Amino acid sequence: MRTLQQHPGDLALLCCLLLLPPLLSHGADIPLGSTLSPGRSASWTSPNNTFSLSFTPSPTSPSLFVAAITYAGGIPVFAVDKNSGNLTLKWTSGSNTVTYFNKGYNTSSTGSKTLSSPTLTMQTNGIVSLTDGQLASPVVVAYSSNYGESGDMMRFLRLDADGNFRAYSAARGSDAATEQWSAVADQCQVFGYCGNMGVCGYNGTSPVCGCPSRNFELSNPSNPRQGCKRKVDLQNCPGNSTMLQLDNTQFLTYPPEAITETFFTGITACRLNCLSGGSCVASTALSDGSGLCFLKVSSFVSAYQSAALPSTSFVKVCFPGIPNPPASPSR
């Protein structure tokens, strides 16, 4: 998804030019040089009144505006850029890039062809596919759950604000879209969803964000997704640091960081090796028979906690470690 946030009064001609081709059937409908400005109710509408381009207030910052294409009924649709051949979702912070979903172009079925102009397409029957002039036929990335169903509906793809990529469908005249597929089925597996040092879990079916222990506090109490911070930094510990155990918790690790942080060792060594490592801030020992231990030395750490996870993790804190209180039983 590409959205452009502008302060009122700023022009967003570049964004309009980027989004114009899928909106209008021919360039003569809108005079060359026309512009849209945030803060006004004007919009550009397609010839058959199915789509319109306008600026809408940002749901998180009402003083900012987002350029959006909307379908009849007011459902927002955003443009998605093509990737290098696969549908790839990445989390980026500074010079660090983590790939947490990669699917599509398969060299075993298409050979070693170099794609010239790969395009991600949502077909009218609900198939998400990858097309390119070098491919004899589209490569299927995913099937929507209502694949093959007909009717007066629109289908679209959107990279949502929570970092997940989804396929939707909406009936004409409806003011709501229905999710039909998501790239990452488990939202807590989306790297960085709960911010740095945030721990993702579930309250029923909804993902919630918290901190590893009471040695931490939310960076922004009004928005738990912005992660956590230590109440006392490790370099300022009044005494020694220690490793606090987190049961059924995994600090997420994806390529390329897994290459340099992966070891075959037992749970005790996984804890002690991180404690003695100056740059290590957390570790995870898998209990699935693999014998794998992941040491987290990056400046950004993302965690997932669930009773179903066969893993034990440790986070480095100033002594003493103060665990979170037990979760209240569900009613």
C-alpha atoms as a PDB file:
ATOM      1  CA  MET A   1       0.000   0.000   0.000  1.00  0.00           C
ATOM      2  CA  ARG A   2       1.239   3.441  -0.782  1.00  0.00           C
ATOM      3  CA  THR A   3      -0.487   6.319   0.995  1.00  0.00           C
ATOM      4  CA  LEU A   4       0.725   9.893   1.115  1.00  0.00           C
ATOM      5  CA  GLN A   5       0.083  12.016   4.155  1.00  0.00           C
ATOM      6  CA  GLN A   6      -0.024  15.771   3.619  1.00  0.00           C
ATOM      7  CA  HIS A   7      -0.646  18.753   5.845  1.00  0.00           C
ATOM      8  CA  PRO A   8      -3.715  20.821   4.840  1.00  0.00           C
ATOM      9  CA  GLY A   9      -2.855  23.154   1.980  1.00  0.00           C
ATOM     10  CA  ASP A  10      -0.094  20.978   0.531  1.00  0.00           C
ATOM     11  CA  LEU A  11      -0.583  19.644  -2.956  1.00  0.00           C
ATOM     12  CA  ALA A  12      -0.141  15.972  -3.703  1.00  0.00           C
ATOM     13  CA  LEU A  13       0.154  16.009  -7.503  1.00  0.00           C
ATOM     14  CA  LEU A  14       2.701  13.178  -7.474  1.00  0.00           C
ATOM     15  CA  CYS A  15       0.342  10.877  -5.590  1.00  0.00           C
ATOM     16  CA  CYS A  16      -2.478  11.790  -7.930  1.00  0.00           C
ATOM     17  CA  LEU A  17      -0.358  10.938 -10.946  1.00  0.00           C
ATOM     18  CA  LEU A  18       0.588   7.585  -9.428  1.00  0.00           C
ATOM     19  CA  LEU A  19      -3.002   6.633  -8.698  1.00  0.00           C
ATOM     20  CA  LEU A  20      -4.585   8.171 -11.803  1.00  0.00           C
ATOM     21  CA  PRO A  21      -4.168   5.294 -14.330  1.00  0.00           C
ATOM     22  CA  PRO A  22      -6.408   2.732 -12.565  1.00  0.00           C
ATOM     23  CA  LEU A  23      -9.027   5.369 -11.834  1.00  0.00           C
ATOM     24  CA  LEU A  24      -9.781   6.999 -15.186  1.00  0.00           C
ATOM     25  CA  SER A  25     -10.456   5.343 -18.505  1.00  0.00           C
ATOM     26  CA  HIS A  26      -8.851   8.098 -20.583  1.00  0.00           C
ATOM     27  CA  GLY A  27      -6.805  11.160 -19.787  1.00  0.00           C
ATOM     28  CA  ALA A  28      -9.263  13.627 -21.373  1.00  0.00           C
ATOM     29  CA  ASP A  29     -11.681  13.272 -18.448  1.00  0.00           C
ATOM     30  CA  ILE A  30      -9.470  15.354 -16.155  1.00  0.00           C
ATOM     31  CA  PRO A  31      -7.688  18.361 -17.738  1.00  0.00           C
ATOM     32  CA  LEU A  32      -3.908  18.166 -17.728  1.00  0.00           C
ATOM     33  CA  GLY A  33      -2.459  20.020 -14.746  1.00  0.00           C
ATOM     34  CA  SER A  34      -5.523  19.581 -12.529  1.00  0.00           C
ATOM     35  CA  THR A  35      -4.829  19.072  -8.833  1.00  0.00           C
ATOM     36  CA  LEU A  36      -6.629  17.954  -5.706  1.00  0.00           C
ATOM     37  CA  SER A  37      -5.965  19.576  -2.347  1.00  0.00           C
ATOM     38  CA  PRO A  38      -6.406  18.119   1.162  1.00  0.00           C
ATOM     39  CA  GLY A  39      -9.103  19.647   3.308  1.00  0.00           C
ATOM     40  CA  ARG A  40     -11.628  20.039   0.506  1.00  0.00           C
ATOM     41  CA  SER A  41     -14.559  17.841  -0.446  1.00  0.00           C
ATOM     42  CA  ALA A  42     -13.645  17.673  -4.144  1.00  0.00           C
ATOM     43  CA  SER A  43     -12.898  14.326  -5.769  1.00  0.00           C
ATOM     44  CA  TRP A  44     -12.179  12.861  -9.188  1.00  0.00           C
ATOM     45  CA  THR A  45     -14.670  10.229 -10.275  1.00  0.00           C
ATOM     46  CA  SER A  46     -14.298   7.518 -12.894  1.00  0.00           C
ATOM     47  CA  PRO A  47     -16.594   7.677 -15.965  1.00  0.00           C
ATOM     48  CA  ASN A  48     -18.921   4.965 -14.645  1.00  0.00           C
ATOM     49  CA  ASN A  49     -18.923   6.405 -11.088  1.00  0.00           C
ATOM     50  CA  THR A  50     -17.453   3.182  -9.686  1.00  0.00           C
ATOM     51  CA  PHE A  51     -14.233   4.704  -8.290  1.00  0.00           C
ATOM     52  CA  SER A  52     -13.235   8.110  -7.010  1.00  0.00           C
ATOM     53  CA  LEU A  53      -9.982   9.735  -5.927  1.00  0.00           C
ATOM     54  CA  SER A  54      -9.989  12.145  -3.006  1.00  0.00           C
ATOM     55  CA  PHE A  55      -8.217  13.089   0.206  1.00  0.00           C
ATOM     56  CA  THR A  56      -9.654  11.726   3.447  1.00  0.00           C
ATOM     57  CA  PRO A  57      -8.614  12.478   7.057  1.00  0.00           C
ATOM     58  CA  SER A  58      -6.119  10.023   8.490  1.00  0.00           C
ATOM     59  CA  PRO A  59      -7.841   7.716  11.025  1.00  0.00           C
ATOM     60  CA  THR A  60      -4.892   8.097  13.415  1.00  0.00           C
ATOM     61  CA  SER A  61      -4.073  11.780  12.818  1.00  0.00           C
ATOM     62  CA  PRO A  62      -7.163  13.786  11.796  1.00  0.00           C
ATOM     63  CA  SER A  63      -5.013  16.832  11.015  1.00  0.00           C
ATOM     64  CA  LEU A  64      -3.323  14.839   8.236  1.00  0.00           C
ATOM     65  CA  PHE A  65      -4.878  13.660   5.002  1.00  0.00           C
ATOM     66  CA  VAL A  66      -4.474  10.436   3.049  1.00  0.00           C
ATOM     67  CA  ALA A  67      -4.888  10.206  -0.730  1.00  0.00           C
ATOM     68  CA  ALA A  68      -7.250   7.299  -1.383  1.00  0.00           C
ATOM     69  CA  ILE A  69      -9.209   5.614  -4.142  1.00  0.00           C
ATOM     70  CA  THR A  70     -12.645   4.574  -2.952  1.00  0.00           C
ATOM     71  CA  TYR A  71     -15.116   2.106  -4.413  1.00  0.00           C
ATOM     72  CA  ALA A  72     -18.831   2.889  -4.711  1.00  0.00           C
ATOM     73  CA  GLY A  73     -20.121   2.899  -1.163  1.00  0.00           C
ATOM     74  CA  GLY A  74     -17.038   4.543   0.313  1.00  0.00           C
ATOM     75  CA  ILE A  75     -14.689   1.561   0.686  1.00  0.00           C
ATOM     76  CA  PRO A  76     -11.033   2.665   0.372  1.00  0.00           C
ATOM     77  CA  VAL A  77      -8.788   0.902  -2.139  1.00  0.00           C
ATOM     78  CA  PHE A  78      -5.047   1.534  -2.254  1.00  0.00           C
ATOM     79  CA  ALA A  79      -2.439   0.850  -4.931  1.00  0.00           C
ATOM     80  CA  VAL A  80       0.100  -1.946  -4.401  1.00  0.00           C
ATOM     81  CA  ASP A  81       3.504  -1.782  -6.050  1.00  0.00           C
ATOM     82  CA  LYS A  82       4.982  -4.724  -7.966  1.00  0.00           C
ATOM     83  CA  ASN A  83       8.052  -6.588  -6.216  1.00  0.00           C
ATOM     84  CA  SER A  84      10.996  -8.407  -7.549  1.00  0.00           C
ATOM     85  CA  GLY A  85       8.987 -11.480  -8.538  1.00  0.00           C
ATOM     86  CA  ASN A  86       7.598 -12.731  -5.229  1.00  0.00           C
ATOM     87  CA  LEU A  87       4.966 -11.231  -3.016  1.00  0.00           C
ATOM     88  CA  THR A  88       7.355 -10.077  -0.295  1.00  0.00           C
ATOM     89  CA  LEU A  89       6.444  -8.295   2.931  1.00  0.00           C
ATOM     90  CA  LYS A  90       9.278  -6.589   4.765  1.00  0.00           C
ATOM     91  CA  TRP A  91       9.660  -4.700   8.009  1.00  0.00           C
ATOM     92  CA  THR A  92      12.256  -1.930   7.733  1.00  0.00           C
ATOM     93  CA  SER A  93      13.878   0.221  10.404  1.00  0.00           C
ATOM     94  CA  GLY A  94      16.957   2.237   9.445  1.00  0.00           C
ATOM     95  CA  SER A  95      19.286  -0.157   7.576  1.00  0.00           C
ATOM     96  CA  ASN A  96      17.643  -3.337   8.990  1.00  0.00           C
ATOM     97  CA  THR A  97      15.205  -5.225   6.717  1.00  0.00           C
ATOM     98  CA  VAL A  98      13.370  -8.382   7.804  1.00  0.00           C
ATOM     99  CA  THR A  99      11.328 -10.476   5.353  1.00  0.00           C
ATOM    100  CA  TYR A 100       8.392 -12.138   7.119  1.00  0.00           C
ATOM    101  CA  PHE A 101       6.414 -13.363   4.101  1.00  0.00           C
ATOM    102  CA  ASN A 102       7.640 -14.443   0.685  1.00  0.00           C
ATOM    103  CA  LYS A 103       5.571 -16.394  -1.810  1.00  0.00           C
ATOM    104  CA  GLY A 104       4.955 -16.511  -5.539  1.00  0.00           C
ATOM    105  CA  TYR A 105       7.755 -16.901  -8.042  1.00  0.00           C
ATOM    106  CA  ASN A 106       9.018 -20.492  -7.880  1.00  0.00           C
ATOM    107  CA  THR A 107      12.154 -21.304  -9.861  1.00  0.00           C
ATOM    108  CA  SER A 108      11.357 -25.028  -9.751  1.00  0.00           C
ATOM    109  CA  SER A 109       8.243 -24.475 -11.865  1.00  0.00           C
ATOM    110  CA  THR A 110       9.298 -21.520 -13.996  1.00  0.00           C
ATOM    111  CA  GLY A 111      13.011 -22.180 -14.451  1.00  0.00           C
ATOM    112  CA  SER A 112      15.651 -19.531 -13.921  1.00  0.00           C
ATOM    113  CA  LYS A 113      13.908 -16.840 -15.965  1.00  0.00           C
ATOM    114  CA  THR A 114      14.511 -13.244 -15.041  1.00  0.00           C
ATOM    115  CA  LEU A 115      11.230 -11.390 -14.750  1.00  0.00           C
ATOM    116  CA  SER A 116      11.127  -8.173 -16.748  1.00  0.00           C
ATOM    117  CA  SER A 117       8.012  -6.493 -15.369  1.00  0.00           C
ATOM    118  CA  PRO A 118       6.374  -8.541 -12.590  1.00  0.00           C
ATOM    119  CA  THR A 119       2.901  -7.429 -11.561  1.00  0.00           C
ATOM    120  CA  LEU A 120       0.720  -8.625  -8.702  1.00  0.00           C
ATOM    121  CA  THR A 121      -2.863  -9.029  -9.909  1.00  0.00           C
ATOM    122  CA  MET A 122      -6.220  -9.667  -8.273  1.00  0.00           C
ATOM    123  CA  GLN A 123      -8.262 -11.609 -10.814  1.00  0.00           C
ATOM    124  CA  THR A 124     -12.036 -11.237 -11.037  1.00  0.00           C
ATOM    125  CA  ASN A 125     -12.518 -14.828  -9.844  1.00  0.00           C
ATOM    126  CA  GLY A 126     -10.620 -14.176  -6.596  1.00  0.00           C
ATOM    127  CA  ILE A 127      -7.149 -15.496  -7.461  1.00  0.00           C
ATOM    128  CA  VAL A 128      -4.122 -13.452  -6.413  1.00  0.00           C
ATOM    129  CA  SER A 129      -1.500 -14.050  -9.087  1.00  0.00           C
ATOM    130  CA  LEU A 130       1.876 -12.895 -10.347  1.00  0.00           C
ATOM    131  CA  THR A 131       2.123 -12.006 -14.038  1.00  0.00           C
ATOM    132  CA  ASP A 132       5.089 -11.180 -16.239  1.00  0.00           C
ATOM    133  CA  GLY A 133       5.935 -11.217 -19.923  1.00  0.00           C
ATOM    134  CA  GLN A 134       8.545 -13.913 -19.289  1.00  0.00           C
ATOM    135  CA  LEU A 135       5.971 -16.319 -17.831  1.00  0.00           C
ATOM    136  CA  ALA A 136       3.791 -18.542 -19.997  1.00  0.00           C
ATOM    137  CA  SER A 137       0.943 -18.256 -17.483  1.00  0.00           C
ATOM    138  CA  PRO A 138       0.292 -16.397 -14.222  1.00  0.00           C
ATOM    139  CA  VAL A 139       1.783 -17.841 -11.037  1.00  0.00           C
ATOM    140  CA  VAL A 140      -0.878 -18.331  -8.363  1.00  0.00           C
ATOM    141  CA  VAL A 141      -0.004 -16.688  -5.044  1.00  0.00           C
ATOM    142  CA  ALA A 142      -3.297 -17.309  -3.219  1.00  0.00           C
ATOM    143  CA  TYR A 143      -6.982 -18.179  -3.582  1.00  0.00           C
ATOM    144  CA  SER A 144      -9.514 -15.945  -1.864  1.00  0.00           C
ATOM    145  CA  SER A 145     -11.951 -17.760   0.415  1.00  0.00           C
ATOM    146  CA  ASN A 146     -14.817 -16.806  -1.935  1.00  0.00           C
ATOM    147  CA  TYR A 147     -12.859 -17.876  -4.989  1.00  0.00           C
ATOM    148  CA  GLY A 148     -15.106 -18.546  -7.981  1.00  0.00           C
ATOM    149  CA  GLU A 149     -18.155 -16.808  -6.544  1.00  0.00           C
ATOM    150  CA  SER A 150     -19.877 -14.351  -8.876  1.00  0.00           C
ATOM    151  CA  GLY A 151     -21.997 -11.271  -8.326  1.00  0.00           C
ATOM    152  CA  ASP A 152     -21.812  -7.508  -8.578  1.00  0.00           C
ATOM    153  CA  MET A 153     -18.756  -7.122  -6.397  1.00  0.00           C
ATOM    154  CA  MET A 154     -15.319  -5.601  -6.420  1.00  0.00           C
ATOM    155  CA  ARG A 155     -12.200  -7.455  -5.341  1.00  0.00           C
ATOM    156  CA  PHE A 156      -9.038  -5.684  -4.251  1.00  0.00           C
ATOM    157  CA  LEU A 157      -5.717  -6.102  -2.441  1.00  0.00           C
ATOM    158  CA  ARG A 158      -4.517  -3.871   0.363  1.00  0.00           C
ATOM    159  CA  LEU A 159      -1.454  -3.614   2.563  1.00  0.00           C
ATOM    160  CA  ASP A 160      -3.076  -2.664   5.858  1.00  0.00           C
ATOM    161  CA  ALA A 161      -1.717  -0.455   8.623  1.00  0.00           C
ATOM    162  CA  ASP A 162      -1.014  -3.521  10.797  1.00  0.00           C
ATOM    163  CA  GLY A 163       1.633  -4.721   8.316  1.00  0.00           C
ATOM    164  CA  ASN A 164      -0.468  -7.533   6.832  1.00  0.00           C
ATOM    165  CA  PHE A 165      -1.387  -7.895   3.162  1.00  0.00           C
ATOM    166  CA  ARG A 166      -4.993  -8.896   2.477  1.00  0.00           C
ATOM    167  CA  ALA A 167      -7.519  -9.596  -0.256  1.00  0.00           C
ATOM    168  CA  TYR A 168     -11.024  -8.157   0.129  1.00  0.00           C
ATOM    169  CA  SER A 169     -14.349  -8.206  -1.664  1.00  0.00           C
ATOM    170  CA  ALA A 170     -17.229  -5.765  -1.432  1.00  0.00           C
ATOM    171  CA  ALA A 171     -20.694  -5.714  -2.967  1.00  0.00           C
ATOM    172  CA  ARG A 172     -21.686  -2.621  -4.886  1.00  0.00           C
ATOM    173  CA  GLY A 173     -23.368  -0.122  -2.591  1.00  0.00           C
ATOM    174  CA  SER A 174     -21.925  -1.710   0.550  1.00  0.00           C
ATOM    175  CA  ASP A 175     -19.999   0.439   2.999  1.00  0.00           C
ATOM    176  CA  ALA A 176     -17.883  -2.467   4.264  1.00  0.00           C
ATOM    177  CA  ALA A 177     -15.394  -4.863   2.715  1.00  0.00           C
ATOM    178  CA  THR A 178     -14.993  -8.497   3.768  1.00  0.00           C
ATOM    179  CA  GLU A 179     -11.532 -10.022   4.225  1.00  0.00           C
ATOM    180  CA  GLN A 180     -11.067 -13.064   1.987  1.00  0.00           C
ATOM    181  CA  TRP A 181      -7.359 -13.848   2.483  1.00  0.00           C
ATOM    182  CA  SER A 182      -4.387 -12.592   4.481  1.00  0.00           C
ATOM    183  CA  ALA A 183      -0.726 -13.171   3.670  1.00  0.00           C
ATOM    184  CA  VAL A 184       0.075 -13.893   7.334  1.00  0.00           C
ATOM    185  CA  ALA A 185      -2.765 -15.852   8.926  1.00  0.00           C
ATOM    186  CA  ASP A 186      -1.455 -15.295  12.462  1.00  0.00           C
ATOM    187  CA  GLN A 187      -1.205 -11.542  13.040  1.00  0.00           C
ATOM    188  CA  CYS A 188       1.299 -12.032  15.873  1.00  0.00           C
ATOM    189  CA  GLN A 189       3.693 -13.500  13.286  1.00  0.00           C
ATOM    190  CA  VAL A 190       3.885 -10.122  11.545  1.00  0.00           C
ATOM    191  CA  PHE A 191       7.305  -8.880  12.548  1.00  0.00           C
ATOM    192  CA  GLY A 192       7.203  -5.720  14.620  1.00  0.00           C
ATOM    193  CA  TYR A 193       3.417  -5.660  15.061  1.00  0.00           C
ATOM    194  CA  CYS A 194       3.822  -4.757  18.756  1.00  0.00           C
ATOM    195  CA  GLY A 195       6.901  -2.564  18.333  1.00  0.00           C
ATOM    196  CA  ASN A 196      10.349  -2.913  19.847  1.00  0.00           C
ATOM    197  CA  MET A 197      10.394  -5.230  22.874  1.00  0.00           C
ATOM    198  CA  GLY A 198       6.655  -5.650  22.517  1.00  0.00           C
ATOM    199  CA  VAL A 199       5.028  -9.036  23.135  1.00  0.00           C
ATOM    200  CA  CYS A 200       2.078 -10.033  20.965  1.00  0.00           C
ATOM    201  CA  GLY A 201      -0.638 -12.308  22.316  1.00  0.00           C
ATOM    202  CA  TYR A 202      -4.361 -12.835  21.934  1.00  0.00           C
ATOM    203  CA  ASN A 203      -7.394 -11.741  23.902  1.00  0.00           C
ATOM    204  CA  GLY A 204      -9.902 -14.116  22.409  1.00  0.00           C
ATOM    205  CA  THR A 205      -9.407 -13.696  18.669  1.00  0.00           C
ATOM    206  CA  SER A 206      -7.910 -10.205  18.769  1.00  0.00           C
ATOM    207  CA  PRO A 207      -4.142  -9.604  18.941  1.00  0.00           C
ATOM    208  CA  VAL A 208      -3.016  -7.504  21.920  1.00  0.00           C
ATOM    209  CA  CYS A 209       0.349  -5.993  22.769  1.00  0.00           C
ATOM    210  CA  GLY A 210       2.137  -5.979  26.102  1.00  0.00           C
ATOM    211  CA  CYS A 211       5.608  -5.934  27.657  1.00  0.00           C
ATOM    212  CA  PRO A 212       7.894  -8.868  28.585  1.00  0.00           C
ATOM    213  CA  SER A 213       7.799  -8.123  32.324  1.00  0.00           C
ATOM    214  CA  ARG A 214       7.317  -5.402  34.896  1.00  0.00           C
ATOM    215  CA  ASN A 215      10.932  -4.422  34.268  1.00  0.00           C
ATOM    216  CA  PHE A 216       9.471  -2.687  31.202  1.00  0.00           C
ATOM    217  CA  GLU A 217       6.803  -0.085  30.550  1.00  0.00           C
ATOM    218  CA  LEU A 218       4.877   0.876  27.436  1.00  0.00           C
ATOM    219  CA  SER A 219       6.648   3.485  25.319  1.00  0.00           C
ATOM    220  CA  ASN A 220       3.261   5.078  24.666  1.00  0.00           C
ATOM    221  CA  PRO A 221       0.481   3.928  27.051  1.00  0.00           C
ATOM    222  CA  SER A 222      -2.174   5.227  24.654  1.00  0.00           C
ATOM    223  CA  ASN A 223      -0.817   3.031  21.844  1.00  0.00           C
ATOM    224  CA  PRO A 224       0.585  -0.344  23.010  1.00  0.00           C
ATOM    225  CA  ARG A 225       1.686  -1.147  19.445  1.00  0.00           C
ATOM    226  CA  GLN A 226       4.557   1.320  19.823  1.00  0.00           C
ATOM    227  CA  GLY A 227       6.459  -1.163  21.958  1.00  0.00           C
ATOM    228  CA  CYS A 228       8.101  -1.148  25.372  1.00  0.00           C
ATOM    229  CA  LYS A 229      11.170   0.316  27.047  1.00  0.00           C
ATOM    230  CA  ARG A 230      13.211  -0.775  30.044  1.00  0.00           C
ATOM    231  CA  LYS A 231      12.565   1.104  33.239  1.00  0.00           C
ATOM    232  CA  VAL A 232      16.312   0.866  33.861  1.00  0.00           C
ATOM    233  CA  ASP A 233      18.705   0.542  30.921  1.00  0.00           C
ATOM    234  CA  LEU A 234      21.101  -2.397  31.074  1.00  0.00           C
ATOM    235  CA  GLN A 235      24.164  -0.145  31.157  1.00  0.00           C
ATOM    236  CA  ASN A 236      22.716   1.589  34.213  1.00  0.00           C
ATOM    237  CA  CYS A 237      21.977  -1.529  36.277  1.00  0.00           C
ATOM    238  CA  PRO A 238      22.724  -0.844  39.970  1.00  0.00           C
ATOM    239  CA  GLY A 239      23.886  -4.456  40.262  1.00  0.00           C
ATOM    240  CA  ASN A 240      24.132  -7.403  37.918  1.00  0.00           C
ATOM    241  CA  SER A 241      21.850  -8.168  35.011  1.00  0.00           C
ATOM    242  CA  THR A 242      19.845 -11.375  34.870  1.00  0.00           C
ATOM    243  CA  MET A 243      17.823 -13.398  32.388  1.00  0.00           C
ATOM    244  CA  LEU A 244      14.074 -13.454  33.099  1.00  0.00           C
ATOM    245  CA  GLN A 245      12.315 -16.576  31.846  1.00  0.00           C
ATOM    246  CA  LEU A 246       9.243 -16.242  29.620  1.00  0.00           C
ATOM    247  CA  ASP A 247       7.357 -19.499  29.111  1.00  0.00           C
ATOM    248  CA  ASN A 248       5.619 -20.266  25.809  1.00  0.00           C
ATOM    249  CA  THR A 249       7.240 -17.215  24.268  1.00  0.00           C
ATOM    250  CA  GLN A 250       9.278 -16.850  21.112  1.00  0.00           C
ATOM    251  CA  PHE A 251      11.369 -13.900  20.016  1.00  0.00           C
ATOM    252  CA  LEU A 252      10.644 -13.848  16.302  1.00  0.00           C
ATOM    253  CA  THR A 253      13.580 -14.549  14.051  1.00  0.00           C
ATOM    254  CA  TYR A 254      13.517 -14.358  10.267  1.00  0.00           C
ATOM    255  CA  PRO A 255      16.221 -14.411   7.589  1.00  0.00           C
ATOM    256  CA  PRO A 256      18.745 -12.875   7.287  1.00  0.00           C
ATOM    257  CA  GLU A 257      19.275 -12.418  11.031  1.00  0.00           C
ATOM    258  CA  ALA A 258      18.694 -16.129  11.720  1.00  0.00           C
ATOM    259  CA  ILE A 259      21.983 -17.028  10.033  1.00  0.00           C
ATOM    260  CA  THR A 260      24.234 -15.402  12.620  1.00  0.00           C
ATOM    261  CA  GLU A 261      22.032 -15.906  15.681  1.00  0.00           C
ATOM    262  CA  THR A 262      21.177 -19.605  15.434  1.00  0.00           C
ATOM    263  CA  PHE A 263      22.853 -22.283  17.551  1.00  0.00           C
ATOM    264  CA  PHE A 264      22.270 -25.906  18.534  1.00  0.00           C
ATOM    265  CA  THR A 265      22.332 -25.929  22.320  1.00  0.00           C
ATOM    266  CA  GLY A 266      20.209 -26.751  25.357  1.00  0.00           C
ATOM    267  CA  ILE A 267      17.906 -24.413  27.204  1.00  0.00           C
ATOM    268  CA  THR A 268      20.384 -23.650  30.022  1.00  0.00           C
ATOM    269  CA  ALA A 269      23.191 -22.777  27.625  1.00  0.00           C
ATOM    270  CA  CYS A 270      20.759 -20.704  25.563  1.00  0.00           C
ATOM    271  CA  ARG A 271      20.094 -18.590  28.644  1.00  0.00           C
ATOM    272  CA  LEU A 272      23.694 -18.372  29.882  1.00  0.00           C
ATOM    273  CA  ASN A 273      25.200 -17.595  26.466  1.00  0.00           C
ATOM    274  CA  CYS A 274      22.941 -14.566  26.161  1.00  0.00           C
ATOM    275  CA  LEU A 275      23.622 -13.459  29.731  1.00  0.00           C
ATOM    276  CA  SER A 276      27.370 -13.484  29.108  1.00  0.00           C
ATOM    277  CA  GLY A 277      27.099 -11.893  25.661  1.00  0.00           C
ATOM    278  CA  GLY A 278      27.469  -8.152  25.830  1.00  0.00           C
ATOM    279  CA  SER A 279      25.298  -7.478  22.778  1.00  0.00           C
ATOM    280  CA  CYS A 280      22.639 -10.136  23.453  1.00  0.00           C
ATOM    281  CA  VAL A 281      19.351  -8.815  24.832  1.00  0.00           C
ATOM    282  CA  ALA A 282      17.131 -11.909  24.602  1.00  0.00           C
ATOM    283  CA  SER A 283      17.153 -15.568  23.580  1.00  0.00           C
ATOM    284  CA  THR A 284      14.719 -18.306  22.611  1.00  0.00           C
ATOM    285  CA  ALA A 285      15.146 -22.063  23.052  1.00  0.00           C
ATOM    286  CA  LEU A 286      12.796 -24.206  20.965  1.00  0.00           C
ATOM    287  CA  SER A 287      11.275 -27.269  22.615  1.00  0.00           C
ATOM    288  CA  ASP A 288      10.148 -28.906  19.372  1.00  0.00           C
ATOM    289  CA  GLY A 289      13.007 -31.396  19.178  1.00  0.00           C
ATOM    290  CA  SER A 290      15.140 -29.258  16.874  1.00  0.00           C
ATOM    291  CA  GLY A 291      17.597 -28.200  19.609  1.00  0.00           C
ATOM    292  CA  LEU A 292      17.689 -24.689  18.179  1.00  0.00           C
ATOM    293  CA  CYS A 293      18.575 -21.608  20.205  1.00  0.00           C
ATOM    294  CA  PHE A 294      18.221 -18.074  18.870  1.00  0.00           C
ATOM    295  CA  LEU A 295      20.223 -15.229  20.387  1.00  0.00           C
ATOM    296  CA  LYS A 296      18.813 -11.764  19.779  1.00  0.00           C
ATOM    297  CA  VAL A 297      21.522  -9.160  19.288  1.00  0.00           C
ATOM    298  CA  SER A 298      19.659  -6.732  16.997  1.00  0.00           C
ATOM    299  CA  SER A 299      18.450  -3.357  18.196  1.00  0.00           C
ATOM    300  CA  PHE A 300      14.838  -4.354  17.486  1.00  0.00           C
ATOM    301  CA  VAL A 301      13.213  -7.376  19.148  1.00  0.00           C
ATOM    302  CA  SER A 302       9.712  -8.669  18.437  1.00  0.00           C
ATOM    303  CA  ALA A 303       8.047 -11.354  20.580  1.00  0.00           C
ATOM    304  CA  TYR A 304       5.051 -13.703  20.380  1.00  0.00           C
ATOM    305  CA  GLN A 305       3.475 -15.411  23.403  1.00  0.00           C
ATOM    306  CA  SER A 306       0.965 -18.265  23.193  1.00  0.00           C
ATOM    307  CA  ALA A 307       0.226 -21.398  25.215  1.00  0.00           C
ATOM    308  CA  ALA A 308       0.616 -23.360  21.972  1.00  0.00           C
ATOM    309  CA  LEU A 309       4.224 -22.267  21.359  1.00  0.00           C
ATOM    310  CA  PRO A 310       6.814 -24.995  22.177  1.00  0.00           C
ATOM    311  CA  SER A 311       9.498 -22.540  23.233  1.00  0.00           C
ATOM    312  CA  THR A 312      11.019 -20.859  26.255  1.00  0.00           C
ATOM    313  CA  SER A 313      12.537 -17.400  26.009  1.00  0.00           C
ATOM    314  CA  PHE A 314      14.702 -15.219  28.199  1.00  0.00           C
ATOM    315  CA  VAL A 315      15.040 -11.447  28.287  1.00  0.00           C
ATOM    316  CA  LYS A 316      17.985  -9.616  29.838  1.00  0.00           C
ATOM    317  CA  VAL A 317      16.986  -7.179  32.585  1.00  0.00           C
ATOM    318  CA  CYS A 318      18.535  -5.544  35.621  1.00  0.00           C
ATOM    319  CA  PHE A 319      18.333  -7.750  38.734  1.00  0.00           C
ATOM    320  CA  PRO A 320      15.819  -8.607  40.026  1.00  0.00           C
ATOM    321  CA  GLY A 321      13.584  -9.798  37.208  1.00  0.00           C
ATOM    322  CA  ILE A 322       9.946  -8.961  37.925  1.00  0.00           C
ATOM    323  CA  PRO A 323       7.513 -11.229  36.024  1.00  0.00           C
ATOM    324  CA  ASN A 324       4.160 -10.010  34.787  1.00  0.00           C
ATOM    325  CA  PRO A 325       1.206 -10.987  37.000  1.00  0.00           C
ATOM    326  CA  PRO A 326      -0.656 -14.132  35.920  1.00  0.00           C
ATOM    327  CA  ALA A 327      -3.274 -13.566  33.241  1.00  0.00           C
ATOM    328  CA  SER A 328      -6.857 -13.441  34.460  1.00  0.00           C
ATOM    329  CA  PRO A 329      -8.886 -16.524  33.522  1.00  0.00           C
ATOM    330  CA  SER A 330     -11.185 -16.045  30.532  1.00  0.00           C
ATOM    331  CA  ARG A 331     -14.893 -15.812  31.235  1.00  0.00           C
END
